[in-house]
Amino acid sequence: QVQLVESGGGLVQAGGSLRLSCAASGSIGSINAMGWYRQAPGKQRELVAAKTNSGSTKYVDSVKGRFTISRDNAKNTVYLQMNSLKAEDTAVYYCNAAHPLYGLDYWGKGTLVTVSS
């Protein structure tokens, strides 16, 4: 099992920045990717950014150039630096840890990000 705890959400004005953190504990060695998803009201959850153990990253097109995902393996923590925030970035952001090959998929409880225009 892997436990994930997010922090760093809050209210920010459009154009501002926030950094989300996700601390992982448990069977960290069983996963090969960590990432962030978000779910806005009335919309499906979508992948925002992910980073594999090998360092490969993936971003949804709408955040490219504005968001950066990073991992501190020593701290078992993944971060999402969000710059130039827009109202459409408003959502609950969820941390995810996974190993698709083995069907492992873990989620945090989410942290709310609200961007006021």
C-alpha atoms as a PDB file:
ATOM      1  CA  GLN A   1       0.000   0.000   0.000  1.00  0.00           C
ATOM      2  CA  VAL A   2       1.007   3.577  -0.644  1.00  0.00           C
ATOM      3  CA  GLN A   3      -0.394   6.544   1.248  1.00  0.00           C
ATOM      4  CA  LEU A   4      -0.448   9.976  -0.352  1.00  0.00           C
ATOM      5  CA  VAL A   5      -1.023  13.295   1.404  1.00  0.00           C
ATOM      6  CA  GLU A   6      -1.401  16.487  -0.611  1.00  0.00           C
ATOM      7  CA  SER A   7      -0.877  20.036   0.570  1.00  0.00           C
ATOM      8  CA  GLY A   8      -0.491  23.505  -0.871  1.00  0.00           C
ATOM      9  CA  GLY A   9      -3.882  24.235  -2.339  1.00  0.00           C
ATOM     10  CA  GLY A  10      -5.715  27.459  -1.723  1.00  0.00           C
ATOM     11  CA  LEU A  11      -7.115  30.630  -3.220  1.00  0.00           C
ATOM     12  CA  VAL A  12      -5.001  32.646  -5.614  1.00  0.00           C
ATOM     13  CA  GLN A  13      -5.654  35.422  -8.096  1.00  0.00           C
ATOM     14  CA  ALA A  14      -5.352  34.827 -11.795  1.00  0.00           C
ATOM     15  CA  GLY A  15      -1.734  35.161 -12.860  1.00  0.00           C
ATOM     16  CA  GLY A  16      -0.481  34.001  -9.501  1.00  0.00           C
ATOM     17  CA  SER A  17       1.400  30.877  -8.472  1.00  0.00           C
ATOM     18  CA  LEU A  18       0.974  27.940  -6.136  1.00  0.00           C
ATOM     19  CA  ARG A  19       3.051  24.886  -5.361  1.00  0.00           C
ATOM     20  CA  LEU A  20       1.373  21.633  -4.502  1.00  0.00           C
ATOM     21  CA  SER A  21       3.160  18.929  -2.564  1.00  0.00           C
ATOM     22  CA  CYS A  22       2.390  15.244  -2.219  1.00  0.00           C
ATOM     23  CA  ALA A  23       4.164  13.175   0.392  1.00  0.00           C
ATOM     24  CA  ALA A  24       4.179   9.445  -0.202  1.00  0.00           C
ATOM     25  CA  SER A  25       4.674   6.719   2.359  1.00  0.00           C
ATOM     26  CA  GLY A  26       4.418   2.955   2.426  1.00  0.00           C
ATOM     27  CA  SER A  27       5.500   0.651  -0.383  1.00  0.00           C
ATOM     28  CA  ILE A  28       7.091   3.383  -2.493  1.00  0.00           C
ATOM     29  CA  GLY A  29       9.284   0.901  -4.306  1.00  0.00           C
ATOM     30  CA  SER A  30       6.225  -0.680  -5.888  1.00  0.00           C
ATOM     31  CA  ILE A  31       5.366   2.334  -8.044  1.00  0.00           C
ATOM     32  CA  ASN A  32       7.003   3.676 -11.165  1.00  0.00           C
ATOM     33  CA  ALA A  33       5.154   6.944 -11.722  1.00  0.00           C
ATOM     34  CA  MET A  34       3.700   9.777  -9.696  1.00  0.00           C
ATOM     35  CA  GLY A  35       1.527  12.527 -10.957  1.00  0.00           C
ATOM     36  CA  TRP A  36      -1.240  15.033 -10.505  1.00  0.00           C
ATOM     37  CA  TYR A  37      -4.790  14.881 -11.747  1.00  0.00           C
ATOM     38  CA  ARG A  38      -7.529  17.441 -11.360  1.00  0.00           C
ATOM     39  CA  GLN A  39     -11.277  17.482 -11.409  1.00  0.00           C
ATOM     40  CA  ALA A  40     -13.259  20.642 -11.950  1.00  0.00           C
ATOM     41  CA  PRO A  41     -16.953  20.876 -11.044  1.00  0.00           C
ATOM     42  CA  GLY A  42     -19.057  18.999 -13.585  1.00  0.00           C
ATOM     43  CA  LYS A  43     -16.028  17.662 -15.444  1.00  0.00           C
ATOM     44  CA  GLN A  44     -14.156  14.400 -15.568  1.00  0.00           C
ATOM     45  CA  ARG A  45     -10.886  13.928 -13.776  1.00  0.00           C
ATOM     46  CA  GLU A  46      -7.950  14.615 -16.068  1.00  0.00           C
ATOM     47  CA  LEU A  47      -4.229  14.034 -15.952  1.00  0.00           C
ATOM     48  CA  VAL A  48      -2.345  17.272 -15.382  1.00  0.00           C
ATOM     49  CA  ALA A  49       1.234  16.060 -15.146  1.00  0.00           C
ATOM     50  CA  ALA A  50       3.133  12.890 -14.392  1.00  0.00           C
ATOM     51  CA  LYS A  51       6.721  11.835 -13.931  1.00  0.00           C
ATOM     52  CA  THR A  52       8.110   8.330 -14.075  1.00  0.00           C
ATOM     53  CA  ASN A  53      10.968   6.885 -12.080  1.00  0.00           C
ATOM     54  CA  SER A  54      13.130   7.189 -15.197  1.00  0.00           C
ATOM     55  CA  GLY A  55      12.438  10.915 -15.359  1.00  0.00           C
ATOM     56  CA  SER A  56      10.007  11.038 -18.254  1.00  0.00           C
ATOM     57  CA  THR A  57       7.348  13.701 -17.893  1.00  0.00           C
ATOM     58  CA  LYS A  58       3.959  14.246 -19.415  1.00  0.00           C
ATOM     59  CA  TYR A  59       1.698  17.291 -19.297  1.00  0.00           C
ATOM     60  CA  VAL A  60      -1.778  18.041 -20.506  1.00  0.00           C
ATOM     61  CA  ASP A  61      -1.593  20.625 -23.283  1.00  0.00           C
ATOM     62  CA  SER A  62      -3.435  23.295 -21.313  1.00  0.00           C
ATOM     63  CA  VAL A  63      -0.699  23.551 -18.658  1.00  0.00           C
ATOM     64  CA  LYS A  64       2.423  23.186 -20.787  1.00  0.00           C
ATOM     65  CA  GLY A  65       4.779  26.070 -20.160  1.00  0.00           C
ATOM     66  CA  ARG A  66       2.987  27.036 -16.949  1.00  0.00           C
ATOM     67  CA  PHE A  67       3.166  23.986 -14.673  1.00  0.00           C
ATOM     68  CA  THR A  68       6.212  21.945 -13.696  1.00  0.00           C
ATOM     69  CA  ILE A  69       6.232  18.567 -11.991  1.00  0.00           C
ATOM     70  CA  SER A  70       9.221  17.510  -9.944  1.00  0.00           C
ATOM     71  CA  ARG A  71      10.105  14.742  -7.558  1.00  0.00           C
ATOM     72  CA  ASP A  72      12.355  14.607  -4.526  1.00  0.00           C
ATOM     73  CA  ASN A  73      13.051  10.910  -4.215  1.00  0.00           C
ATOM     74  CA  ALA A  74      14.895  11.352  -0.926  1.00  0.00           C
ATOM     75  CA  LYS A  75      11.734  12.825   0.577  1.00  0.00           C
ATOM     76  CA  ASN A  76       9.314  10.631  -1.377  1.00  0.00           C
ATOM     77  CA  THR A  77       7.567  13.799  -2.418  1.00  0.00           C
ATOM     78  CA  VAL A  78       6.244  15.042  -5.722  1.00  0.00           C
ATOM     79  CA  TYR A  79       5.574  18.709  -6.404  1.00  0.00           C
ATOM     80  CA  LEU A  80       3.523  20.642  -8.893  1.00  0.00           C
ATOM     81  CA  GLN A  81       4.659  24.211  -9.424  1.00  0.00           C
ATOM     82  CA  MET A  82       1.807  26.137 -10.990  1.00  0.00           C
ATOM     83  CA  ASN A  83       2.510  29.542 -12.505  1.00  0.00           C
ATOM     84  CA  SER A  84       0.371  31.971 -14.484  1.00  0.00           C
ATOM     85  CA  LEU A  85      -2.732  30.416 -13.040  1.00  0.00           C
ATOM     86  CA  LYS A  86      -6.030  30.878 -14.832  1.00  0.00           C
ATOM     87  CA  ALA A  87      -9.603  30.648 -13.658  1.00  0.00           C
ATOM     88  CA  GLU A  88      -9.964  27.417 -15.644  1.00  0.00           C
ATOM     89  CA  ASP A  89      -7.283  25.824 -13.464  1.00  0.00           C
ATOM     90  CA  THR A  90      -9.755  25.853 -10.588  1.00  0.00           C
ATOM     91  CA  ALA A  91     -10.263  22.254  -9.494  1.00  0.00           C
ATOM     92  CA  VAL A  92      -9.546  19.681  -6.855  1.00  0.00           C
ATOM     93  CA  TYR A  93      -6.049  18.403  -7.498  1.00  0.00           C
ATOM     94  CA  TYR A  94      -5.281  14.782  -6.692  1.00  0.00           C
ATOM     95  CA  CYS A  95      -1.938  13.126  -6.264  1.00  0.00           C
ATOM     96  CA  ASN A  96      -1.526   9.733  -7.901  1.00  0.00           C
ATOM     97  CA  ALA A  97       1.054   6.986  -7.618  1.00  0.00           C
ATOM     98  CA  ALA A  98       0.910   4.030  -9.955  1.00  0.00           C
ATOM     99  CA  HIS A  99       2.525   1.078 -11.598  1.00  0.00           C
ATOM    100  CA  PRO A 100       0.294   0.224 -14.558  1.00  0.00           C
ATOM    101  CA  LEU A 101       2.070  -3.042 -15.289  1.00  0.00           C
ATOM    102  CA  TYR A 102       1.025  -4.410 -11.926  1.00  0.00           C
ATOM    103  CA  GLY A 103      -2.329  -2.684 -11.716  1.00  0.00           C
ATOM    104  CA  LEU A 104      -1.265  -0.497  -8.825  1.00  0.00           C
ATOM    105  CA  ASP A 105      -3.076   2.819  -8.516  1.00  0.00           C
ATOM    106  CA  TYR A 106      -3.143   4.985  -5.413  1.00  0.00           C
ATOM    107  CA  TRP A 107      -4.814   8.338  -4.782  1.00  0.00           C
ATOM    108  CA  GLY A 108      -4.618  11.134  -2.285  1.00  0.00           C
ATOM    109  CA  LYS A 109      -7.723  12.827  -0.919  1.00  0.00           C
ATOM    110  CA  GLY A 110      -7.208  15.936  -3.004  1.00  0.00           C
ATOM    111  CA  THR A 111      -6.500  19.588  -2.404  1.00  0.00           C
ATOM    112  CA  LEU A 112      -8.643  22.428  -3.706  1.00  0.00           C
ATOM    113  CA  VAL A 113      -7.146  25.105  -5.917  1.00  0.00           C
ATOM    114  CA  THR A 114      -9.322  28.125  -6.591  1.00  0.00           C
ATOM    115  CA  VAL A 115      -8.194  30.789  -9.038  1.00  0.00           C
ATOM    116  CA  SER A 116     -10.145  34.018  -8.930  1.00  0.00           C
ATOM    117  CA  SER A 117     -10.408  36.114 -12.067  1.00  0.00           C
END
